[in-house]
Structure formats: structure tokens, C-alpha cells
Amino acid sequence: MHVTVTQGEADESCCQRLSCRSTAGGVFGGLIGARMTAPRFKPLPQILWELSPAEKQKFYSESIVILECLQWTDIDELTALVMGNAGLQEKLTILLTEYLSKELGIKIQYQQ
């Protein structure tokens, strides 16, 4: 079996393939570019988990100053005490936001 393609059909087929490749390349290139330039969002627990041991110790030392006046025996009791005291919540929030922004250079964005 022998198939012949006239010049016009070959040009059209070639142009369609190039057009598909160009479109696909543009889409993937755009996605990669958007990903590279988009800000990297990390939730707060992940940021705290990824702190180095020295950074964790520094943050602990600063936060224990606020918490040392409380009498607590475990994390559940401490959590209940802090959640029941708006003043402590505010102090810890300020400490955390200042530590993240000043010490680590993290830009904080609040979401509801």
C-alpha cells in the first residue's frame, strides 16, 4: 500500500502538530512559571515543626517567660489555661508573630 500526501496536506499537518506542541509548551511553561513566582504558603504548625533545634529553644525560652506564672502539669491543662485567658492569648500571639517576622523573616498573612 502506498500513501501519497500532497504538499498542502503535509504543511497543514505539520502546522497542527507544531501548534499543539507550542500550546502544550506554553501551558506547561506558564504553570511552572506561576509556581516559581507564587508565594509559598505554609501553615503555622508546619513552620513551627520545621524550626531548627536552636530556633525552637529560643522560641521556647521567650514563651516560657509568659507561661511561668501559670500552674500546670501537662499540655492539656496548659492549653485550657491559655484558652481561658484572653490576655495570655494576646501576649502569646504577639510573641509568635514578632518571632516569626523578626527572627525568621516570615511574612504573615491572616485568613478567616
N, C-alpha and C. Protein backbone atom coordinates (compact mmCIF):
# COMPACT_ATOMS: atom_id res chain seq x y z
N MET A 1 0.85 -1.17 0.00
CA MET A 1 0.00 0.00 0.00
C MET A 1 0.89 1.22 0.00
N HIS A 2 0.52 2.17 -0.81
CA HIS A 2 1.31 3.39 -0.95
C HIS A 2 0.42 4.59 -0.69
N VAL A 3 0.86 5.46 0.18
CA VAL A 3 0.08 6.65 0.50
C VAL A 3 0.86 7.86 0.05
N THR A 4 0.20 8.72 -0.65
CA THR A 4 0.83 9.97 -1.05
C THR A 4 0.11 11.13 -0.38
N VAL A 5 0.89 12.07 -0.01
CA VAL A 5 0.35 13.27 0.63
C VAL A 5 0.77 14.44 -0.22
N THR A 6 -0.17 15.26 -0.56
CA THR A 6 0.19 16.43 -1.35
C THR A 6 0.85 17.45 -0.44
N GLN A 7 1.53 18.38 -1.03
CA GLN A 7 2.29 19.39 -0.28
C GLN A 7 1.38 20.17 0.67
N GLY A 8 0.20 20.55 0.25
CA GLY A 8 -0.71 21.33 1.09
C GLY A 8 -1.12 20.56 2.33
N GLU A 9 -1.41 19.26 2.18
CA GLU A 9 -1.80 18.46 3.33
C GLU A 9 -0.64 18.28 4.30
N ALA A 10 0.55 18.10 3.80
CA ALA A 10 1.71 17.94 4.67
C ALA A 10 1.96 19.20 5.48
N ASP A 11 1.86 20.36 4.84
CA ASP A 11 2.08 21.62 5.55
C ASP A 11 1.04 21.82 6.65
N GLU A 12 -0.22 21.49 6.34
CA GLU A 12 -1.29 21.66 7.32
C GLU A 12 -1.08 20.73 8.51
N SER A 13 -0.73 19.48 8.26
CA SER A 13 -0.50 18.52 9.32
C SER A 13 0.67 18.95 10.20
N CYS A 14 1.71 19.40 9.58
CA CYS A 14 2.90 19.87 10.31
C CYS A 14 2.55 21.07 11.18
N CYS A 15 1.77 21.98 10.62
CA CYS A 15 1.39 23.18 11.37
C CYS A 15 0.53 22.81 12.58
N GLN A 16 -0.36 21.83 12.41
CA GLN A 16 -1.20 21.41 13.53
C GLN A 16 -0.36 20.81 14.65
N ARG A 17 0.63 19.98 14.27
CA ARG A 17 1.50 19.38 15.30
C ARG A 17 2.29 20.45 16.02
N LEU A 18 2.83 21.40 15.26
CA LEU A 18 3.60 22.49 15.88
C LEU A 18 2.71 23.34 16.77
N SER A 19 1.49 23.57 16.31
CA SER A 19 0.55 24.36 17.10
C SER A 19 0.24 23.65 18.42
N CYS A 20 0.02 22.35 18.38
CA CYS A 20 -0.25 21.59 19.61
C CYS A 20 0.95 21.62 20.53
N ARG A 21 2.13 21.44 19.96
CA ARG A 21 3.34 21.46 20.79
C ARG A 21 3.56 22.83 21.40
N SER A 22 3.33 23.87 20.60
CA SER A 22 3.51 25.23 21.12
C SER A 22 2.51 25.52 22.24
N THR A 23 1.28 25.08 22.04
CA THR A 23 0.25 25.30 23.06
C THR A 23 0.59 24.55 24.34
N ALA A 24 0.96 23.28 24.18
CA ALA A 24 1.32 22.48 25.36
C ALA A 24 2.53 23.08 26.06
N GLY A 25 3.52 23.49 25.29
CA GLY A 25 4.71 24.10 25.89
C GLY A 25 4.37 25.38 26.62
N GLY A 26 3.46 26.16 26.03
CA GLY A 26 3.05 27.41 26.68
C GLY A 26 2.31 27.16 27.98
N VAL A 27 1.44 26.16 27.97
CA VAL A 27 0.68 25.83 29.18
C VAL A 27 1.61 25.35 30.29
N PHE A 28 2.48 24.39 29.97
CA PHE A 28 3.39 23.87 30.99
C PHE A 28 4.38 24.94 31.45
N GLY A 29 4.88 25.72 30.52
CA GLY A 29 5.79 26.81 30.90
C GLY A 29 5.11 27.81 31.81
N GLY A 30 3.85 28.12 31.50
CA GLY A 30 3.10 29.06 32.33
C GLY A 30 2.86 28.51 33.72
N LEU A 31 2.54 27.22 33.80
CA LEU A 31 2.32 26.60 35.11
C LEU A 31 3.59 26.59 35.94
N ILE A 32 4.69 26.24 35.31
CA ILE A 32 5.96 26.22 36.03
C ILE A 32 6.35 27.62 36.48
N GLY A 33 6.18 28.59 35.60
CA GLY A 33 6.49 29.98 35.95
C GLY A 33 5.63 30.49 37.07
N ALA A 34 4.34 30.16 37.03
CA ALA A 34 3.43 30.60 38.10
C ALA A 34 3.82 29.97 39.42
N ARG A 35 4.18 28.72 39.38
CA ARG A 35 4.57 28.00 40.61
C ARG A 35 5.85 28.60 41.20
N MET A 36 6.78 28.97 40.33
CA MET A 36 8.05 29.50 40.81
C MET A 36 7.89 30.90 41.41
N THR A 37 6.96 31.68 40.89
CA THR A 37 6.81 33.05 41.38
C THR A 37 5.74 33.19 42.44
N ALA A 38 4.91 32.18 42.65
CA ALA A 38 3.85 32.25 43.66
C ALA A 38 4.46 32.19 45.05
N PRO A 39 3.88 32.95 45.99
CA PRO A 39 4.40 32.86 47.36
C PRO A 39 4.15 31.46 47.92
N ARG A 40 5.09 31.02 48.70
CA ARG A 40 4.96 29.68 49.29
C ARG A 40 4.22 29.79 50.60
N PHE A 41 3.06 29.19 50.66
CA PHE A 41 2.26 29.21 51.88
C PHE A 41 2.56 27.97 52.70
N LYS A 42 2.77 28.18 53.98
CA LYS A 42 2.92 27.07 54.90
C LYS A 42 2.06 27.37 56.11
N PRO A 43 1.30 26.39 56.57
CA PRO A 43 0.52 26.61 57.78
C PRO A 43 1.44 26.74 59.00
N LEU A 44 0.97 27.44 60.00
CA LEU A 44 1.77 27.72 61.19
C LEU A 44 2.33 26.46 61.85
N PRO A 45 1.55 25.41 62.05
CA PRO A 45 2.13 24.21 62.68
C PRO A 45 3.32 23.65 61.90
N GLN A 46 3.26 23.72 60.58
CA GLN A 46 4.38 23.22 59.77
C GLN A 46 5.61 24.10 59.95
N ILE A 47 5.42 25.40 60.01
CA ILE A 47 6.55 26.32 60.23
C ILE A 47 7.22 26.01 61.55
N LEU A 48 6.42 25.84 62.60
CA LEU A 48 6.98 25.56 63.92
C LEU A 48 7.68 24.20 63.94
N TRP A 49 7.11 23.22 63.28
CA TRP A 49 7.70 21.87 63.23
C TRP A 49 9.05 21.90 62.53
N GLU A 50 9.21 22.76 61.52
CA GLU A 50 10.43 22.80 60.73
C GLU A 50 11.52 23.69 61.32
N LEU A 51 11.26 24.33 62.46
CA LEU A 51 12.30 25.15 63.10
C LEU A 51 13.48 24.26 63.49
N SER A 52 14.65 24.85 63.43
CA SER A 52 15.84 24.11 63.88
C SER A 52 15.77 23.97 65.40
N PRO A 53 16.53 23.04 65.96
CA PRO A 53 16.53 22.91 67.44
C PRO A 53 16.89 24.22 68.14
N ALA A 54 17.83 24.97 67.60
CA ALA A 54 18.21 26.25 68.22
C ALA A 54 17.07 27.26 68.16
N GLU A 55 16.35 27.29 67.02
CA GLU A 55 15.22 28.21 66.89
C GLU A 55 14.08 27.80 67.83
N LYS A 56 13.85 26.49 67.96
CA LYS A 56 12.82 26.02 68.87
C LYS A 56 13.16 26.39 70.32
N GLN A 57 14.42 26.25 70.69
CA GLN A 57 14.84 26.58 72.04
C GLN A 57 14.68 28.07 72.31
N LYS A 58 15.04 28.89 71.34
CA LYS A 58 14.91 30.34 71.51
C LYS A 58 13.45 30.73 71.67
N PHE A 59 12.58 30.17 70.83
CA PHE A 59 11.16 30.48 70.94
C PHE A 59 10.59 29.98 72.27
N TYR A 60 11.00 28.80 72.69
CA TYR A 60 10.56 28.24 73.98
C TYR A 60 10.99 29.17 75.11
N SER A 61 12.24 29.61 75.10
CA SER A 61 12.75 30.48 76.17
C SER A 61 11.96 31.77 76.26
N GLU A 62 11.58 32.31 75.11
CA GLU A 62 10.81 33.55 75.10
C GLU A 62 9.36 33.32 75.56
N SER A 63 8.78 32.19 75.17
CA SER A 63 7.39 31.96 75.52
C SER A 63 7.21 31.48 76.97
N ILE A 64 8.20 30.80 77.52
CA ILE A 64 8.07 30.31 78.89
C ILE A 64 8.03 31.47 79.89
N VAL A 65 8.61 32.61 79.51
CA VAL A 65 8.55 33.80 80.36
C VAL A 65 7.09 34.20 80.59
N ILE A 66 6.27 34.07 79.55
CA ILE A 66 4.85 34.41 79.66
C ILE A 66 4.09 33.34 80.45
N LEU A 67 4.50 32.08 80.28
CA LEU A 67 3.76 30.97 80.86
C LEU A 67 4.21 30.57 82.26
N GLU A 68 5.35 31.08 82.73
CA GLU A 68 5.89 30.60 84.01
C GLU A 68 5.03 30.96 85.20
N CYS A 69 4.16 31.95 85.07
CA CYS A 69 3.30 32.33 86.19
C CYS A 69 2.14 31.36 86.38
N LEU A 70 1.93 30.47 85.42
CA LEU A 70 0.82 29.52 85.49
C LEU A 70 1.23 28.24 86.20
N GLN A 71 0.28 27.62 86.85
CA GLN A 71 0.49 26.32 87.49
C GLN A 71 -0.17 25.26 86.61
N TRP A 72 0.66 24.44 85.95
CA TRP A 72 0.12 23.41 85.07
C TRP A 72 1.00 22.17 85.13
N THR A 73 0.37 21.01 84.86
CA THR A 73 1.11 19.75 84.94
C THR A 73 1.27 19.05 83.60
N ASP A 74 0.38 19.34 82.65
CA ASP A 74 0.51 18.71 81.33
C ASP A 74 -0.01 19.67 80.25
N ILE A 75 0.15 19.28 79.00
CA ILE A 75 -0.20 20.16 77.89
C ILE A 75 -1.70 20.44 77.83
N ASP A 76 -2.51 19.47 78.24
CA ASP A 76 -3.96 19.69 78.24
C ASP A 76 -4.35 20.79 79.23
N GLU A 77 -3.75 20.74 80.39
CA GLU A 77 -4.04 21.75 81.41
C GLU A 77 -3.54 23.12 80.96
N LEU A 78 -2.34 23.16 80.40
CA LEU A 78 -1.79 24.43 79.90
C LEU A 78 -2.68 25.00 78.80
N THR A 79 -3.12 24.16 77.89
CA THR A 79 -4.00 24.60 76.80
C THR A 79 -5.29 25.19 77.36
N ALA A 80 -5.88 24.52 78.33
CA ALA A 80 -7.12 25.02 78.94
C ALA A 80 -6.89 26.37 79.62
N LEU A 81 -5.79 26.52 80.31
CA LEU A 81 -5.49 27.78 80.99
C LEU A 81 -5.31 28.93 79.99
N VAL A 82 -4.58 28.66 78.92
CA VAL A 82 -4.34 29.71 77.92
C VAL A 82 -5.63 30.04 77.18
N MET A 83 -6.40 29.02 76.80
CA MET A 83 -7.64 29.26 76.05
C MET A 83 -8.68 30.00 76.90
N GLY A 84 -8.57 29.91 78.21
CA GLY A 84 -9.50 30.61 79.09
C GLY A 84 -9.04 31.99 79.50
N ASN A 85 -7.93 32.46 78.95
CA ASN A 85 -7.38 33.75 79.36
C ASN A 85 -7.03 34.58 78.12
N ALA A 86 -7.87 35.54 77.79
CA ALA A 86 -7.68 36.36 76.59
C ALA A 86 -6.35 37.14 76.64
N GLY A 87 -5.96 37.57 77.83
CA GLY A 87 -4.70 38.32 77.97
C GLY A 87 -3.49 37.46 77.60
N LEU A 88 -3.48 36.21 78.07
CA LEU A 88 -2.39 35.29 77.71
C LEU A 88 -2.39 34.98 76.22
N GLN A 89 -3.57 34.79 75.67
CA GLN A 89 -3.67 34.53 74.23
C GLN A 89 -3.07 35.68 73.43
N GLU A 90 -3.39 36.89 73.83
CA GLU A 90 -2.88 38.06 73.13
C GLU A 90 -1.35 38.16 73.25
N LYS A 91 -0.83 37.95 74.46
CA LYS A 91 0.62 38.00 74.66
C LYS A 91 1.35 36.95 73.83
N LEU A 92 0.81 35.73 73.81
CA LEU A 92 1.44 34.65 73.04
C LEU A 92 1.34 34.89 71.54
N THR A 93 0.23 35.45 71.10
CA THR A 93 0.06 35.77 69.68
C THR A 93 1.06 36.83 69.25
N ILE A 94 1.22 37.85 70.07
CA ILE A 94 2.18 38.91 69.76
C ILE A 94 3.60 38.34 69.73
N LEU A 95 3.93 37.53 70.73
CA LEU A 95 5.26 36.90 70.77
C LEU A 95 5.50 36.07 69.51
N LEU A 96 4.53 35.26 69.13
CA LEU A 96 4.68 34.40 67.97
C LEU A 96 4.83 35.20 66.68
N THR A 97 3.99 36.18 66.47
CA THR A 97 4.07 36.96 65.23
C THR A 97 5.37 37.75 65.15
N GLU A 98 5.81 38.31 66.27
CA GLU A 98 7.07 39.04 66.27
C GLU A 98 8.25 38.10 66.04
N TYR A 99 8.22 36.94 66.65
CA TYR A 99 9.31 35.97 66.46
C TYR A 99 9.39 35.54 65.00
N LEU A 100 8.25 35.18 64.43
CA LEU A 100 8.25 34.72 63.04
C LEU A 100 8.69 35.81 62.07
N SER A 101 8.22 37.02 62.29
CA SER A 101 8.56 38.10 61.35
C SER A 101 9.97 38.65 61.56
N LYS A 102 10.37 38.86 62.80
CA LYS A 102 11.69 39.46 63.06
C LYS A 102 12.83 38.45 63.01
N GLU A 103 12.64 37.32 63.65
CA GLU A 103 13.72 36.33 63.73
C GLU A 103 13.85 35.50 62.46
N LEU A 104 12.72 35.17 61.85
CA LEU A 104 12.76 34.26 60.69
C LEU A 104 12.47 34.97 59.37
N GLY A 105 12.04 36.23 59.43
CA GLY A 105 11.74 36.98 58.21
C GLY A 105 10.53 36.46 57.46
N ILE A 106 9.59 35.87 58.18
CA ILE A 106 8.39 35.31 57.56
C ILE A 106 7.32 36.38 57.47
N LYS A 107 6.72 36.48 56.30
CA LYS A 107 5.61 37.41 56.12
C LYS A 107 4.31 36.69 56.52
N ILE A 108 3.58 37.29 57.43
CA ILE A 108 2.39 36.67 57.98
C ILE A 108 1.16 37.24 57.30
N GLN A 109 0.30 36.35 56.83
CA GLN A 109 -0.97 36.75 56.23
C GLN A 109 -2.08 36.05 57.00
N TYR A 110 -3.05 36.83 57.44
CA TYR A 110 -4.15 36.27 58.20
C TYR A 110 -5.29 35.92 57.26
N GLN A 111 -5.88 34.76 57.49
CA GLN A 111 -7.03 34.31 56.71
C GLN A 111 -8.14 33.92 57.66
N GLN A 112 -9.37 34.11 57.21
CA GLN A 112 -10.51 33.74 58.06
C GLN A 112 -11.03 32.40 57.67
